[in-house]
């Protein structure tokens, strides 16, 4: 009987540590119905997946929260969402941009540069994936995004998936 309890407990721990929650997508501009955008336009989804040192999690979260507060003022942002493990060390972000130029301007923005610099010691590993989708495909669920990212990451070198260990 103790054997069954330890298996059940181990299963429960595995289930809880693998459990993730996501914020609903916050749309800065209407994903499809913006009068200046056409439904057949492509948008860029920038996905980030980080493994964070749990001892420095607060440092990472503080920087991420500052960046999230600055996002709505970023030109070219369509929307964003965050996903994180409840009791783990993994965090994902998804930002949707009108184009690559807008996304790169954000990456170089003072708020983002500062957050990356200030929280870099808290990041054990980080991966980036860029996905191009039609506006008409928005909104994309997290389960779809993660599947698309997995597919993109398995593409040959030179495709749109990139990874950077820290």
C-alpha atoms as a PDB file:
ATOM      1  CA  UNK A   1       0.000   0.000   0.000  1.00  0.00           C
ATOM      2  CA  UNK A   2       2.872   2.426   0.743  1.00  0.00           C
ATOM      3  CA  UNK A   3       4.177   1.701  -2.746  1.00  0.00           C
ATOM      4  CA  UNK A   4       0.871   2.879  -4.260  1.00  0.00           C
ATOM      5  CA  UNK A   5       0.869   6.006  -2.093  1.00  0.00           C
ATOM      6  CA  UNK A   6       4.391   6.926  -3.168  1.00  0.00           C
ATOM      7  CA  UNK A   7       3.453   6.406  -6.838  1.00  0.00           C
ATOM      8  CA  UNK A   8       0.329   8.522  -6.375  1.00  0.00           C
ATOM      9  CA  UNK A   9       2.298  11.230  -4.592  1.00  0.00           C
ATOM     10  CA  UNK A  10       4.985  11.192  -7.295  1.00  0.00           C
ATOM     11  CA  UNK A  11       2.291  11.467  -9.975  1.00  0.00           C
ATOM     12  CA  UNK A  12       0.660  14.366  -8.156  1.00  0.00           C
ATOM     13  CA  UNK A  13       3.979  16.201  -7.816  1.00  0.00           C
ATOM     14  CA  UNK A  14       4.736  15.675 -11.513  1.00  0.00           C
ATOM     15  CA  UNK A  15       1.289  16.923 -12.471  1.00  0.00           C
ATOM     16  CA  UNK A  16       1.512  20.037 -10.280  1.00  0.00           C
ATOM     17  CA  UNK A  17       5.032  21.015 -11.324  1.00  0.00           C
ATOM     18  CA  UNK A  18       4.063  20.634 -14.962  1.00  0.00           C
ATOM     19  CA  UNK A  19       0.907  22.713 -14.510  1.00  0.00           C
ATOM     20  CA  UNK A  20       1.040  26.092 -16.222  1.00  0.00           C
ATOM     21  CA  UNK A  21      -1.241  29.108 -16.276  1.00  0.00           C
ATOM     22  CA  UNK A  22      -1.536  31.747 -18.962  1.00  0.00           C
ATOM     23  CA  UNK A  23      -2.843  35.272 -19.050  1.00  0.00           C
ATOM     24  CA  UNK A  24      -5.500  35.916 -21.667  1.00  0.00           C
ATOM     25  CA  UNK A  25      -4.100  37.655 -24.732  1.00  0.00           C
ATOM     26  CA  UNK A  26      -4.238  41.407 -24.280  1.00  0.00           C
ATOM     27  CA  UNK A  27      -4.945  43.008 -27.635  1.00  0.00           C
ATOM     28  CA  UNK A  28      -3.406  46.424 -28.137  1.00  0.00           C
ATOM     29  CA  UNK A  29      -4.888  46.646 -31.585  1.00  0.00           C
ATOM     30  CA  UNK A  30      -7.794  44.568 -32.810  1.00  0.00           C
ATOM     31  CA  UNK A  31      -6.249  41.336 -34.091  1.00  0.00           C
ATOM     32  CA  UNK A  32      -8.310  41.132 -37.272  1.00  0.00           C
ATOM     33  CA  UNK A  33     -10.787  43.973 -37.430  1.00  0.00           C
ATOM     34  CA  UNK A  34      -8.433  46.978 -37.384  1.00  0.00           C
ATOM     35  CA  UNK A  35      -9.435  49.143 -40.329  1.00  0.00           C
ATOM     36  CA  UNK A  36      -5.799  49.636 -41.385  1.00  0.00           C
ATOM     37  CA  UNK A  37      -5.031  45.920 -41.355  1.00  0.00           C
ATOM     38  CA  UNK A  38      -6.162  43.262 -43.763  1.00  0.00           C
ATOM     39  CA  UNK A  39      -7.001  39.746 -42.601  1.00  0.00           C
ATOM     40  CA  UNK A  40      -4.586  38.277 -45.139  1.00  0.00           C
ATOM     41  CA  UNK A  41      -1.658  40.343 -43.753  1.00  0.00           C
ATOM     42  CA  UNK A  42       1.061  38.398 -41.975  1.00  0.00           C
ATOM     43  CA  UNK A  43       1.926  39.164 -38.371  1.00  0.00           C
ATOM     44  CA  UNK A  44       4.965  38.040 -36.415  1.00  0.00           C
ATOM     45  CA  UNK A  45       4.581  36.073 -33.203  1.00  0.00           C
ATOM     46  CA  UNK A  46       7.714  36.196 -31.069  1.00  0.00           C
ATOM     47  CA  UNK A  47       7.805  33.371 -28.522  1.00  0.00           C
ATOM     48  CA  UNK A  48      10.266  33.275 -25.661  1.00  0.00           C
ATOM     49  CA  UNK A  49      10.718  30.253 -23.391  1.00  0.00           C
ATOM     50  CA  UNK A  50      12.949  30.726 -20.355  1.00  0.00           C
ATOM     51  CA  UNK A  51      14.145  28.473 -17.551  1.00  0.00           C
ATOM     52  CA  UNK A  52      14.631  30.692 -14.516  1.00  0.00           C
ATOM     53  CA  UNK A  53      16.774  30.056 -11.435  1.00  0.00           C
ATOM     54  CA  UNK A  54      14.141  29.660  -8.713  1.00  0.00           C
ATOM     55  CA  UNK A  55      16.418  31.347  -6.154  1.00  0.00           C
ATOM     56  CA  UNK A  56      16.411  34.487  -8.337  1.00  0.00           C
ATOM     57  CA  UNK A  57      12.826  34.240  -9.601  1.00  0.00           C
ATOM     58  CA  UNK A  58      11.768  37.558  -8.038  1.00  0.00           C
ATOM     59  CA  UNK A  59      14.544  39.390  -9.899  1.00  0.00           C
ATOM     60  CA  UNK A  60      13.327  37.907 -13.181  1.00  0.00           C
ATOM     61  CA  UNK A  61       9.641  38.557 -12.437  1.00  0.00           C
ATOM     62  CA  UNK A  62      10.304  42.198 -11.500  1.00  0.00           C
ATOM     63  CA  UNK A  63      12.066  42.831 -14.812  1.00  0.00           C
ATOM     64  CA  UNK A  64       9.394  40.990 -16.767  1.00  0.00           C
ATOM     65  CA  UNK A  65       6.631  42.985 -15.077  1.00  0.00           C
ATOM     66  CA  UNK A  66       8.313  46.285 -16.005  1.00  0.00           C
ATOM     67  CA  UNK A  67       8.526  45.138 -19.619  1.00  0.00           C
ATOM     68  CA  UNK A  68       4.884  44.012 -19.622  1.00  0.00           C
ATOM     69  CA  UNK A  69       3.814  47.425 -18.331  1.00  0.00           C
ATOM     70  CA  UNK A  70       5.695  49.098 -21.192  1.00  0.00           C
ATOM     71  CA  UNK A  71       4.320  46.833 -23.921  1.00  0.00           C
ATOM     72  CA  UNK A  72       1.060  48.672 -24.735  1.00  0.00           C
ATOM     73  CA  UNK A  73       3.037  51.788 -25.700  1.00  0.00           C
ATOM     74  CA  UNK A  74       5.226  49.890 -28.196  1.00  0.00           C
ATOM     75  CA  UNK A  75       4.524  50.809 -31.839  1.00  0.00           C
ATOM     76  CA  UNK A  76       3.516  47.832 -33.945  1.00  0.00           C
ATOM     77  CA  UNK A  77       2.411  45.620 -31.048  1.00  0.00           C
ATOM     78  CA  UNK A  78      -0.794  43.731 -31.795  1.00  0.00           C
ATOM     79  CA  UNK A  79      -1.069  41.775 -28.514  1.00  0.00           C
ATOM     80  CA  UNK A  80       0.689  39.686 -25.874  1.00  0.00           C
ATOM     81  CA  UNK A  81       0.332  36.954 -23.278  1.00  0.00           C
ATOM     82  CA  UNK A  82       2.458  35.313 -20.592  1.00  0.00           C
ATOM     83  CA  UNK A  83       2.477  31.675 -19.493  1.00  0.00           C
ATOM     84  CA  UNK A  84       4.301  30.222 -16.495  1.00  0.00           C
ATOM     85  CA  UNK A  85       4.516  27.075 -14.474  1.00  0.00           C
ATOM     86  CA  UNK A  86       2.726  27.289 -11.150  1.00  0.00           C
ATOM     87  CA  UNK A  87       5.439  25.451  -9.236  1.00  0.00           C
ATOM     88  CA  UNK A  88       8.249  25.262 -11.746  1.00  0.00           C
ATOM     89  CA  UNK A  89      10.935  27.354 -13.330  1.00  0.00           C
ATOM     90  CA  UNK A  90       9.584  27.817 -16.862  1.00  0.00           C
ATOM     91  CA  UNK A  91       8.148  31.036 -18.288  1.00  0.00           C
ATOM     92  CA  UNK A  92       6.890  31.776 -21.802  1.00  0.00           C
ATOM     93  CA  UNK A  93       5.950  35.042 -23.473  1.00  0.00           C
ATOM     94  CA  UNK A  94       4.142  35.530 -26.749  1.00  0.00           C
ATOM     95  CA  UNK A  95       4.086  38.928 -28.403  1.00  0.00           C
ATOM     96  CA  UNK A  96       2.334  39.583 -31.704  1.00  0.00           C
ATOM     97  CA  UNK A  97       3.823  42.291 -33.944  1.00  0.00           C
ATOM     98  CA  UNK A  98       2.806  43.905 -37.205  1.00  0.00           C
ATOM     99  CA  UNK A  99       6.283  43.152 -38.564  1.00  0.00           C
ATOM    100  CA  UNK A 100       9.902  42.333 -37.791  1.00  0.00           C
ATOM    101  CA  UNK A 101      10.912  46.008 -37.614  1.00  0.00           C
ATOM    102  CA  UNK A 102       8.422  46.732 -34.824  1.00  0.00           C
ATOM    103  CA  UNK A 103       9.564  43.672 -32.875  1.00  0.00           C
ATOM    104  CA  UNK A 104      13.238  44.634 -33.211  1.00  0.00           C
ATOM    105  CA  UNK A 105      12.493  48.203 -32.074  1.00  0.00           C
ATOM    106  CA  UNK A 106      10.927  46.757 -28.921  1.00  0.00           C
ATOM    107  CA  UNK A 107      13.910  44.431 -28.325  1.00  0.00           C
ATOM    108  CA  UNK A 108      16.175  47.495 -28.472  1.00  0.00           C
ATOM    109  CA  UNK A 109      13.880  49.677 -26.327  1.00  0.00           C
ATOM    110  CA  UNK A 110      15.343  50.997 -23.052  1.00  0.00           C
ATOM    111  CA  UNK A 111      12.795  49.105 -20.909  1.00  0.00           C
ATOM    112  CA  UNK A 112      13.561  45.774 -22.566  1.00  0.00           C
ATOM    113  CA  UNK A 113      17.340  46.270 -22.617  1.00  0.00           C
ATOM    114  CA  UNK A 114      17.317  47.195 -18.915  1.00  0.00           C
ATOM    115  CA  UNK A 115      15.162  44.206 -17.957  1.00  0.00           C
ATOM    116  CA  UNK A 116      17.403  41.791 -19.870  1.00  0.00           C
ATOM    117  CA  UNK A 117      20.528  43.282 -18.292  1.00  0.00           C
ATOM    118  CA  UNK A 118      19.096  43.343 -14.750  1.00  0.00           C
ATOM    119  CA  UNK A 119      17.647  39.838 -14.803  1.00  0.00           C
ATOM    120  CA  UNK A 120      20.213  37.985 -16.922  1.00  0.00           C
ATOM    121  CA  UNK A 121      21.712  36.267 -13.864  1.00  0.00           C
ATOM    122  CA  UNK A 122      18.295  34.741 -13.118  1.00  0.00           C
ATOM    123  CA  UNK A 123      17.978  33.102 -16.552  1.00  0.00           C
ATOM    124  CA  UNK A 124      19.490  29.623 -16.876  1.00  0.00           C
ATOM    125  CA  UNK A 125      18.418  29.067 -20.490  1.00  0.00           C
ATOM    126  CA  UNK A 126      16.305  30.952 -22.997  1.00  0.00           C
ATOM    127  CA  UNK A 127      14.931  30.014 -26.405  1.00  0.00           C
ATOM    128  CA  UNK A 128      13.357  32.220 -29.053  1.00  0.00           C
ATOM    129  CA  UNK A 129      11.031  31.244 -31.864  1.00  0.00           C
ATOM    130  CA  UNK A 130       9.500  33.546 -34.455  1.00  0.00           C
ATOM    131  CA  UNK A 131       6.334  32.496 -36.205  1.00  0.00           C
ATOM    132  CA  UNK A 132       4.638  34.180 -39.144  1.00  0.00           C
ATOM    133  CA  UNK A 133       0.861  33.747 -39.312  1.00  0.00           C
ATOM    134  CA  UNK A 134      -2.005  35.433 -41.088  1.00  0.00           C
ATOM    135  CA  UNK A 135      -3.953  37.973 -39.061  1.00  0.00           C
ATOM    136  CA  UNK A 136      -7.044  35.925 -39.770  1.00  0.00           C
ATOM    137  CA  UNK A 137      -5.503  33.071 -37.684  1.00  0.00           C
ATOM    138  CA  UNK A 138      -5.572  35.259 -34.548  1.00  0.00           C
ATOM    139  CA  UNK A 139      -6.126  34.675 -31.756  1.00  0.00           C
ATOM    140  CA  UNK A 140      -3.893  31.615 -31.433  1.00  0.00           C
ATOM    141  CA  UNK A 141      -4.242  29.506 -28.272  1.00  0.00           C
ATOM    142  CA  UNK A 142      -1.236  28.618 -26.143  1.00  0.00           C
ATOM    143  CA  UNK A 143      -1.598  24.955 -27.041  1.00  0.00           C
ATOM    144  CA  UNK A 144      -1.405  25.913 -30.738  1.00  0.00           C
ATOM    145  CA  UNK A 145       1.546  28.256 -30.119  1.00  0.00           C
ATOM    146  CA  UNK A 146       3.520  25.596 -28.271  1.00  0.00           C
ATOM    147  CA  UNK A 147       2.850  23.058 -31.028  1.00  0.00           C
ATOM    148  CA  UNK A 148       3.841  25.583 -33.712  1.00  0.00           C
ATOM    149  CA  UNK A 149       7.016  26.420 -31.764  1.00  0.00           C
ATOM    150  CA  UNK A 150       7.925  22.755 -31.451  1.00  0.00           C
ATOM    151  CA  UNK A 151       7.461  22.310 -35.192  1.00  0.00           C
ATOM    152  CA  UNK A 152       9.490  25.458 -35.952  1.00  0.00           C
ATOM    153  CA  UNK A 153      12.287  24.370 -33.606  1.00  0.00           C
ATOM    154  CA  UNK A 154      12.667  21.106 -35.514  1.00  0.00           C
ATOM    155  CA  UNK A 155      13.257  22.915 -38.829  1.00  0.00           C
ATOM    156  CA  UNK A 156      16.722  22.867 -40.373  1.00  0.00           C
ATOM    157  CA  UNK A 157      19.203  25.645 -39.590  1.00  0.00           C
ATOM    158  CA  UNK A 158      18.249  28.826 -41.408  1.00  0.00           C
ATOM    159  CA  UNK A 159      14.550  28.445 -40.708  1.00  0.00           C
ATOM    160  CA  UNK A 160      12.724  30.823 -38.357  1.00  0.00           C
ATOM    161  CA  UNK A 161      13.522  29.063 -35.064  1.00  0.00           C
ATOM    162  CA  UNK A 162      16.451  30.195 -32.950  1.00  0.00           C
ATOM    163  CA  UNK A 163      17.786  29.162 -29.563  1.00  0.00           C
ATOM    164  CA  UNK A 164      20.301  30.798 -27.257  1.00  0.00           C
ATOM    165  CA  UNK A 165      21.601  29.142 -24.107  1.00  0.00           C
ATOM    166  CA  UNK A 166      22.769  31.568 -21.440  1.00  0.00           C
END
